[in-house]
PDB file of all heavy atoms in Angstrom:
ATOM      1  N   GLY A   1    -139.078  10.616 174.643  1.00  0.00           N
ATOM      2  CA  GLY A   1    -139.053   9.342 174.046  1.00  0.00           C
ATOM      3  C   GLY A   1    -137.833   9.142 173.066  1.00  0.00           C
ATOM      4  O   GLY A   1    -137.990   9.222 171.888  1.00  0.00           O
ATOM      5  N   ALA A   2    -136.727   8.983 173.704  1.00  0.00           N
ATOM      6  CA  ALA A   2    -135.441   8.741 172.929  1.00  0.00           C
ATOM      7  C   ALA A   2    -134.612   7.708 173.721  1.00  0.00           C
ATOM      8  O   ALA A   2    -134.875   7.411 174.886  1.00  0.00           O
ATOM      9  CB  ALA A   2    -134.657  10.015 172.766  1.00  0.00           C
ATOM     10  N   VAL A   3    -133.648   7.168 173.144  1.00  0.00           N
ATOM     11  CA  VAL A   3    -132.692   6.165 173.802  1.00  0.00           C
ATOM     12  C   VAL A   3    -131.278   6.475 173.388  1.00  0.00           C
ATOM     13  O   VAL A   3    -130.900   7.110 172.437  1.00  0.00           O
ATOM     14  CB  VAL A   3    -132.984   4.806 173.240  1.00  0.00           C
ATOM     15  CG1 VAL A   3    -134.480   4.305 173.703  1.00  0.00           C
ATOM     16  CG2 VAL A   3    -132.892   4.444 171.779  1.00  0.00           C
ATOM     17  N   TYR A   4    -130.420   5.865 174.281  1.00  0.00           N
ATOM     18  CA  TYR A   4    -129.039   6.028 174.145  1.00  0.00           C
ATOM     19  C   TYR A   4    -128.423   4.629 173.941  1.00  0.00           C
ATOM     20  O   TYR A   4    -128.628   3.827 174.809  1.00  0.00           O
ATOM     21  CB  TYR A   4    -128.439   6.677 175.358  1.00  0.00           C
ATOM     22  CG  TYR A   4    -126.918   6.700 175.516  1.00  0.00           C
ATOM     23  CD1 TYR A   4    -126.104   7.168 174.391  1.00  0.00           C
ATOM     24  CD2 TYR A   4    -126.295   6.134 176.639  1.00  0.00           C
ATOM     25  CE1 TYR A   4    -124.681   7.163 174.600  1.00  0.00           C
ATOM     26  CE2 TYR A   4    -124.912   6.174 176.696  1.00  0.00           C
ATOM     27  CZ  TYR A   4    -124.132   6.584 175.562  1.00  0.00           C
ATOM     28  OH  TYR A   4    -122.750   6.630 175.675  1.00  0.00           O
ATOM     29  N   PHE A   5    -127.797   4.468 172.855  1.00  0.00           N
ATOM     30  CA  PHE A   5    -127.288   3.112 172.472  1.00  0.00           C
ATOM     31  C   PHE A   5    -125.642   3.204 172.930  1.00  0.00           C
ATOM     32  O   PHE A   5    -125.005   4.219 172.640  1.00  0.00           O
ATOM     33  CB  PHE A   5    -127.233   2.873 171.036  1.00  0.00           C
ATOM     34  CG  PHE A   5    -128.656   2.800 170.430  1.00  0.00           C
ATOM     35  CD1 PHE A   5    -129.264   3.862 169.813  1.00  0.00           C
ATOM     36  CD2 PHE A   5    -129.337   1.560 170.521  1.00  0.00           C
ATOM     37  CE1 PHE A   5    -130.516   3.716 169.303  1.00  0.00           C
ATOM     38  CE2 PHE A   5    -130.650   1.445 169.978  1.00  0.00           C
ATOM     39  CZ  PHE A   5    -131.142   2.548 169.299  1.00  0.00           C
ATOM     40  N   GLY A   6    -125.125   2.087 173.188  1.00  0.00           N
ATOM     41  CA  GLY A   6    -123.649   2.022 173.380  1.00  0.00           C
ATOM     42  C   GLY A   6    -123.143   1.189 172.282  1.00  0.00           C
ATOM     43  O   GLY A   6    -123.677   0.272 171.864  1.00  0.00           O
ATOM     44  N   ALA A   7    -122.008   1.630 171.791  1.00  0.00           N
ATOM     45  CA  ALA A   7    -121.219   0.882 170.864  1.00  0.00           C
ATOM     46  C   ALA A   7    -119.939   0.590 171.549  1.00  0.00           C
ATOM     47  O   ALA A   7    -119.458   1.281 172.417  1.00  0.00           O
ATOM     48  CB  ALA A   7    -121.024   1.716 169.510  1.00  0.00           C
ATOM     49  N   VAL A   8    -119.297  -0.505 171.137  1.00  0.00           N
ATOM     50  CA  VAL A   8    -118.107  -0.889 171.726  1.00  0.00           C
ATOM     51  C   VAL A   8    -116.894  -0.176 171.369  1.00  0.00           C
ATOM     52  O   VAL A   8    -116.567  -0.093 170.178  1.00  0.00           O
ATOM     53  CB  VAL A   8    -117.764  -2.473 171.559  1.00  0.00           C
ATOM     54  CG1 VAL A   8    -116.553  -2.923 172.242  1.00  0.00           C
ATOM     55  CG2 VAL A   8    -118.953  -3.256 172.016  1.00  0.00           C
ATOM     56  N   GLY A   9    -116.235   0.585 172.315  1.00  0.00           N
ATOM     57  CA  GLY A   9    -115.060   1.201 172.017  1.00  0.00           C
ATOM     58  C   GLY A   9    -113.918   0.373 171.689  1.00  0.00           C
ATOM     59  O   GLY A   9    -113.902  -0.767 172.160  1.00  0.00           O
ATOM     60  N   GLY A  10    -112.978   0.739 170.882  1.00  0.00           N
ATOM     61  CA  GLY A  10    -111.951  -0.211 170.349  1.00  0.00           C
ATOM     62  C   GLY A  10    -112.217  -0.970 169.233  1.00  0.00           C
ATOM     63  O   GLY A  10    -111.391  -1.774 168.752  1.00  0.00           O
ATOM     64  N   CYS A  11    -113.438  -0.892 168.837  1.00  0.00           N
ATOM     65  CA  CYS A  11    -113.867  -1.728 167.684  1.00  0.00           C
ATOM     66  C   CYS A  11    -114.128  -0.935 166.459  1.00  0.00           C
ATOM     67  O   CYS A  11    -114.999  -1.351 165.532  1.00  0.00           O
ATOM     68  CB  CYS A  11    -115.064  -2.486 167.962  1.00  0.00           C
ATOM     69  SG  CYS A  11    -114.852  -3.892 169.281  1.00  0.00           S
ATOM     70  N   GLY A  12    -113.526   0.243 166.285  1.00  0.00           N
ATOM     71  CA  GLY A  12    -113.798   1.213 165.236  1.00  0.00           C
ATOM     72  C   GLY A  12    -113.585   0.621 163.837  1.00  0.00           C
ATOM     73  O   GLY A  12    -114.507   0.959 162.974  1.00  0.00           O
ATOM     74  N   ALA A  13    -112.674  -0.212 163.585  1.00  0.00           N
ATOM     75  CA  ALA A  13    -112.286  -0.752 162.402  1.00  0.00           C
ATOM     76  C   ALA A  13    -113.501  -1.735 162.090  1.00  0.00           C
ATOM     77  O   ALA A  13    -113.940  -1.856 160.777  1.00  0.00           O
ATOM     78  CB  ALA A  13    -111.037  -1.523 162.348  1.00  0.00           C
ATOM     79  N   LEU A  14    -113.977  -2.520 162.988  1.00  0.00           N
ATOM     80  CA  LEU A  14    -115.080  -3.479 162.705  1.00  0.00           C
ATOM     81  C   LEU A  14    -116.362  -2.793 162.488  1.00  0.00           C
ATOM     82  O   LEU A  14    -117.084  -3.125 161.576  1.00  0.00           O
ATOM     83  CB  LEU A  14    -115.105  -4.438 163.841  1.00  0.00           C
ATOM     84  CG  LEU A  14    -114.023  -5.465 164.077  1.00  0.00           C
ATOM     85  CD1 LEU A  14    -114.132  -6.117 165.451  1.00  0.00           C
ATOM     86  CD2 LEU A  14    -113.807  -6.354 162.908  1.00  0.00           C
ATOM     87  N   LEU A  15    -116.658  -1.804 163.268  1.00  0.00           N
ATOM     88  CA  LEU A  15    -117.880  -0.914 163.101  1.00  0.00           C
ATOM     89  C   LEU A  15    -117.887  -0.331 161.717  1.00  0.00           C
ATOM     90  O   LEU A  15    -118.963  -0.211 161.037  1.00  0.00           O
ATOM     91  CB  LEU A  15    -118.066   0.052 164.278  1.00  0.00           C
ATOM     92  CG  LEU A  15    -118.250  -0.502 165.558  1.00  0.00           C
ATOM     93  CD1 LEU A  15    -118.131   0.592 166.730  1.00  0.00           C
ATOM     94  CD2 LEU A  15    -119.626  -1.206 165.693  1.00  0.00           C
ATOM     95  N   SER A  16    -116.719   0.097 161.211  1.00  0.00           N
ATOM     96  CA  SER A  16    -116.643   0.720 159.913  1.00  0.00           C
ATOM     97  C   SER A  16    -117.191  -0.021 158.823  1.00  0.00           C
ATOM     98  O   SER A  16    -117.645   0.306 157.807  1.00  0.00           O
ATOM     99  CB  SER A  16    -115.387   1.320 159.662  1.00  0.00           C
ATOM    100  OG  SER A  16    -114.398   0.321 159.475  1.00  0.00           O
ATOM    101  N   ASP A  17    -117.051  -1.397 159.008  1.00  0.00           N
ATOM    102  CA  ASP A  17    -117.545  -2.373 157.955  1.00  0.00           C
ATOM    103  C   ASP A  17    -119.004  -2.252 157.799  1.00  0.00           C
ATOM    104  O   ASP A  17    -119.514  -2.774 156.680  1.00  0.00           O
ATOM    105  CB  ASP A  17    -117.124  -3.796 158.409  1.00  0.00           C
ATOM    106  CG  ASP A  17    -115.567  -4.030 158.062  1.00  0.00           C
ATOM    107  OD1 ASP A  17    -114.942  -3.321 157.510  1.00  0.00           O
ATOM    108  OD2 ASP A  17    -115.209  -5.170 158.788  1.00  0.00           O
ATOM    109  N   CYS A  18    -119.712  -1.768 158.823  1.00  0.00           N
ATOM    110  CA  CYS A  18    -121.195  -1.721 158.621  1.00  0.00           C
ATOM    111  C   CYS A  18    -121.671  -0.389 157.781  1.00  0.00           C
ATOM    112  O   CYS A  18    -122.757  -0.303 157.570  1.00  0.00           O
ATOM    113  CB  CYS A  18    -121.767  -1.581 159.997  1.00  0.00           C
ATOM    114  SG  CYS A  18    -121.463  -3.070 161.119  1.00  0.00           S
ATOM    115  N   VAL A  19    -120.676   0.385 157.646  1.00  0.00           N
ATOM    116  CA  VAL A  19    -120.973   1.693 156.828  1.00  0.00           C
ATOM    117  C   VAL A  19    -120.860   1.440 155.363  1.00  0.00           C
ATOM    118  O   VAL A  19    -119.792   1.087 154.903  1.00  0.00           O
ATOM    119  CB  VAL A  19    -119.999   2.805 157.287  1.00  0.00           C
ATOM    120  CG1 VAL A  19    -120.193   4.172 156.394  1.00  0.00           C
ATOM    121  CG2 VAL A  19    -120.135   3.054 158.772  1.00  0.00           C
ATOM    122  N   LYS A  20    -121.932   1.592 154.709  1.00  0.00           N
ATOM    123  CA  LYS A  20    -121.988   1.220 153.330  1.00  0.00           C
ATOM    124  C   LYS A  20    -121.861   2.526 152.349  1.00  0.00           C
ATOM    125  O   LYS A  20    -121.385   2.521 151.221  1.00  0.00           O
ATOM    126  CB  LYS A  20    -123.417   0.554 152.881  1.00  0.00           C
ATOM    127  CG  LYS A  20    -123.546  -0.696 153.727  1.00  0.00           C
ATOM    128  CD  LYS A  20    -122.343  -1.584 153.585  1.00  0.00           C
ATOM    129  CE  LYS A  20    -122.569  -2.827 154.415  1.00  0.00           C
ATOM    130  NZ  LYS A  20    -121.432  -3.631 154.600  1.00  0.00           N
ATOM    131  N   LYS A  21    -122.104   3.662 152.987  1.00  0.00           N
ATOM    132  CA  LYS A  21    -121.870   4.958 152.170  1.00  0.00           C
ATOM    133  C   LYS A  21    -121.673   6.077 153.368  1.00  0.00           C
ATOM    134  O   LYS A  21    -122.320   5.915 154.311  1.00  0.00           O
ATOM    135  CB  LYS A  21    -123.164   5.291 151.325  1.00  0.00           C
ATOM    136  CG  LYS A  21    -123.037   6.435 150.467  1.00  0.00           C
ATOM    137  CD  LYS A  21    -124.210   6.672 149.552  1.00  0.00           C
ATOM    138  CE  LYS A  21    -124.065   7.893 148.745  1.00  0.00           C
ATOM    139  NZ  LYS A  21    -125.231   8.078 147.877  1.00  0.00           N
ATOM    140  N   ALA A  22    -120.867   6.965 152.917  1.00  0.00           N
ATOM    141  CA  ALA A  22    -120.552   8.184 153.878  1.00  0.00           C
ATOM    142  C   ALA A  22    -120.407   9.376 153.118  1.00  0.00           C
ATOM    143  O   ALA A  22    -119.590   9.359 151.981  1.00  0.00           O
ATOM    144  CB  ALA A  22    -119.430   7.905 154.651  1.00  0.00           C
ATOM    145  N   GLU A  23    -121.007  10.475 153.453  1.00  0.00           N
ATOM    146  CA  GLU A  23    -120.761  11.795 152.861  1.00  0.00           C
ATOM    147  C   GLU A  23    -120.917  12.858 153.840  1.00  0.00           C
ATOM    148  O   GLU A  23    -121.800  12.813 154.703  1.00  0.00           O
ATOM    149  CB  GLU A  23    -121.787  11.929 151.664  1.00  0.00           C
ATOM    150  CG  GLU A  23    -123.182  12.079 152.054  1.00  0.00           C
ATOM    151  CD  GLU A  23    -124.106  12.485 150.904  1.00  0.00           C
ATOM    152  OE1 GLU A  23    -123.791  13.063 150.079  1.00  0.00           O
ATOM    153  OE2 GLU A  23    -125.244  11.772 150.888  1.00  0.00           O
ATOM    154  N   ILE A  24    -119.976  13.905 153.735  1.00  0.00           N
ATOM    155  CA  ILE A  24    -120.094  15.051 154.607  1.00  0.00           C
ATOM    156  C   ILE A  24    -121.266  15.910 154.072  1.00  0.00           C
ATOM    157  O   ILE A  24    -121.486  16.282 152.960  1.00  0.00           O
ATOM    158  CB  ILE A  24    -118.834  15.878 154.433  1.00  0.00           C
ATOM    159  CG1 ILE A  24    -117.706  15.014 155.141  1.00  0.00           C
ATOM    160  CG2 ILE A  24    -118.964  17.184 155.247  1.00  0.00           C
ATOM    161  CD1 ILE A  24    -116.333  15.697 155.137  1.00  0.00           C
ATOM    162  N   VAL A  25    -122.120  16.303 155.084  1.00  0.00           N
ATOM    163  CA  VAL A  25    -123.454  17.136 154.711  1.00  0.00           C
ATOM    164  C   VAL A  25    -123.388  18.510 155.506  1.00  0.00           C
ATOM    165  O   VAL A  25    -124.148  19.294 155.081  1.00  0.00           O
ATOM    166  CB  VAL A  25    -124.729  16.296 155.070  1.00  0.00           C
ATOM    167  CG1 VAL A  25    -124.788  15.068 154.126  1.00  0.00           C
ATOM    168  CG2 VAL A  25    -124.780  15.902 156.488  1.00  0.00           C
ATOM    169  N   ALA A  26    -122.403  18.647 156.449  1.00  0.00           N
ATOM    170  CA  ALA A  26    -122.454  19.864 157.099  1.00  0.00           C
ATOM    171  C   ALA A  26    -121.133  20.044 157.795  1.00  0.00           C
ATOM    172  O   ALA A  26    -120.591  19.131 158.240  1.00  0.00           O
ATOM    173  CB  ALA A  26    -123.605  20.068 158.069  1.00  0.00           C
ATOM    174  N   TYR A  27    -120.653  21.384 157.937  1.00  0.00           N
ATOM    175  CA  TYR A  27    -119.533  21.764 158.763  1.00  0.00           C
ATOM    176  C   TYR A  27    -118.303  21.136 158.320  1.00  0.00           C
ATOM    177  O   TYR A  27    -117.481  20.598 159.143  1.00  0.00           O
ATOM    178  CB  TYR A  27    -119.882  21.519 160.286  1.00  0.00           C
ATOM    179  CG  TYR A  27    -121.140  21.986 160.701  1.00  0.00           C
ATOM    180  CD1 TYR A  27    -121.866  21.308 161.631  1.00  0.00           C
ATOM    181  CD2 TYR A  27    -121.763  23.249 160.289  1.00  0.00           C
ATOM    182  CE1 TYR A  27    -123.193  21.688 162.089  1.00  0.00           C
ATOM    183  CE2 TYR A  27    -122.923  23.696 160.774  1.00  0.00           C
ATOM    184  CZ  TYR A  27    -123.623  22.920 161.735  1.00  0.00           C
ATOM    185  OH  TYR A  27    -124.819  23.278 162.211  1.00  0.00           O
ATOM    186  N   GLU A  28    -117.978  21.108 156.992  1.00  0.00           N
ATOM    187  CA  GLU A  28    -116.818  20.368 156.383  1.00  0.00           C
ATOM    188  C   GLU A  28    -115.628  20.927 157.081  1.00  0.00           C
ATOM    189  O   GLU A  28    -114.520  20.284 157.287  1.00  0.00           O
ATOM    190  CB  GLU A  28    -116.727  20.580 154.829  1.00  0.00           C
ATOM    191  CG  GLU A  28    -115.716  19.821 154.272  1.00  0.00           C
ATOM    192  CD  GLU A  28    -115.923  19.859 152.795  1.00  0.00           C
ATOM    193  OE1 GLU A  28    -116.774  20.439 152.188  1.00  0.00           O
ATOM    194  OE2 GLU A  28    -115.057  19.137 152.119  1.00  0.00           O
ATOM    195  N   ASP A  29    -115.543  22.157 157.520  1.00  0.00           N
ATOM    196  CA  ASP A  29    -114.248  22.745 158.090  1.00  0.00           C
ATOM    197  C   ASP A  29    -113.963  22.083 159.313  1.00  0.00           C
ATOM    198  O   ASP A  29    -112.837  22.251 159.823  1.00  0.00           O
ATOM    199  CB  ASP A  29    -114.596  24.299 158.288  1.00  0.00           C
ATOM    200  CG  ASP A  29    -115.737  24.581 159.334  1.00  0.00           C
ATOM    201  OD1 ASP A  29    -116.872  24.143 159.084  1.00  0.00           O
ATOM    202  OD2 ASP A  29    -115.353  25.252 160.384  1.00  0.00           O
ATOM    203  N   LEU A  30    -114.883  21.300 159.957  1.00  0.00           N
ATOM    204  CA  LEU A  30    -114.531  20.583 161.158  1.00  0.00           C
ATOM    205  C   LEU A  30    -113.661  19.413 160.984  1.00  0.00           C
ATOM    206  O   LEU A  30    -113.291  18.522 161.936  1.00  0.00           O
ATOM    207  CB  LEU A  30    -115.782  20.279 162.028  1.00  0.00           C
ATOM    208  CG  LEU A  30    -116.543  21.401 162.581  1.00  0.00           C
ATOM    209  CD1 LEU A  30    -117.941  21.050 163.286  1.00  0.00           C
ATOM    210  CD2 LEU A  30    -115.739  22.306 163.483  1.00  0.00           C
ATOM    211  N   GLY A  31    -113.458  19.010 159.665  1.00  0.00           N
ATOM    212  CA  GLY A  31    -112.752  17.797 159.371  1.00  0.00           C
ATOM    213  C   GLY A  31    -113.352  16.485 159.884  1.00  0.00           C
ATOM    214  O   GLY A  31    -114.471  16.243 159.524  1.00  0.00           O
ATOM    215  N   ALA A  32    -112.620  15.723 160.735  1.00  0.00           N
ATOM    216  CA  ALA A  32    -113.153  14.490 161.234  1.00  0.00           C
ATOM    217  C   ALA A  32    -114.496  14.744 161.987  1.00  0.00           C
ATOM    218  O   ALA A  32    -115.385  13.793 161.996  1.00  0.00           O
ATOM    219  CB  ALA A  32    -112.136  13.779 162.139  1.00  0.00           C
ATOM    220  N   GLU A  33    -114.733  15.994 162.603  1.00  0.00           N
ATOM    221  CA  GLU A  33    -115.915  16.252 163.292  1.00  0.00           C
ATOM    222  C   GLU A  33    -116.989  16.720 162.486  1.00  0.00           C
ATOM    223  O   GLU A  33    -118.005  17.165 163.089  1.00  0.00           O
ATOM    224  CB  GLU A  33    -115.527  17.140 164.477  1.00  0.00           C
ATOM    225  CG  GLU A  33    -114.699  16.296 165.539  1.00  0.00           C
ATOM    226  CD  GLU A  33    -114.586  17.066 166.710  1.00  0.00           C
ATOM    227  OE1 GLU A  33    -115.556  17.678 167.236  1.00  0.00           O
ATOM    228  OE2 GLU A  33    -113.357  17.015 167.400  1.00  0.00           O
ATOM    229  N   ALA A  34    -116.896  16.834 161.202  1.00  0.00           N
ATOM    230  CA  ALA A  34    -118.004  17.303 160.380  1.00  0.00           C
ATOM    231  C   ALA A  34    -119.161  16.404 160.443  1.00  0.00           C
ATOM    232  O   ALA A  34    -119.045  15.228 160.790  1.00  0.00           O
ATOM    233  CB  ALA A  34    -117.498  17.337 158.915  1.00  0.00           C
TER     234      ALA A  34
END
């Protein structure tokens, strides 16, 4: 019982406006992929 959502590629700057808080919680050494 799971679903796969699609987000529109190429709209990363617009999607980031929906993010109100962000913090690294694991694997900080992976940089952008943490």
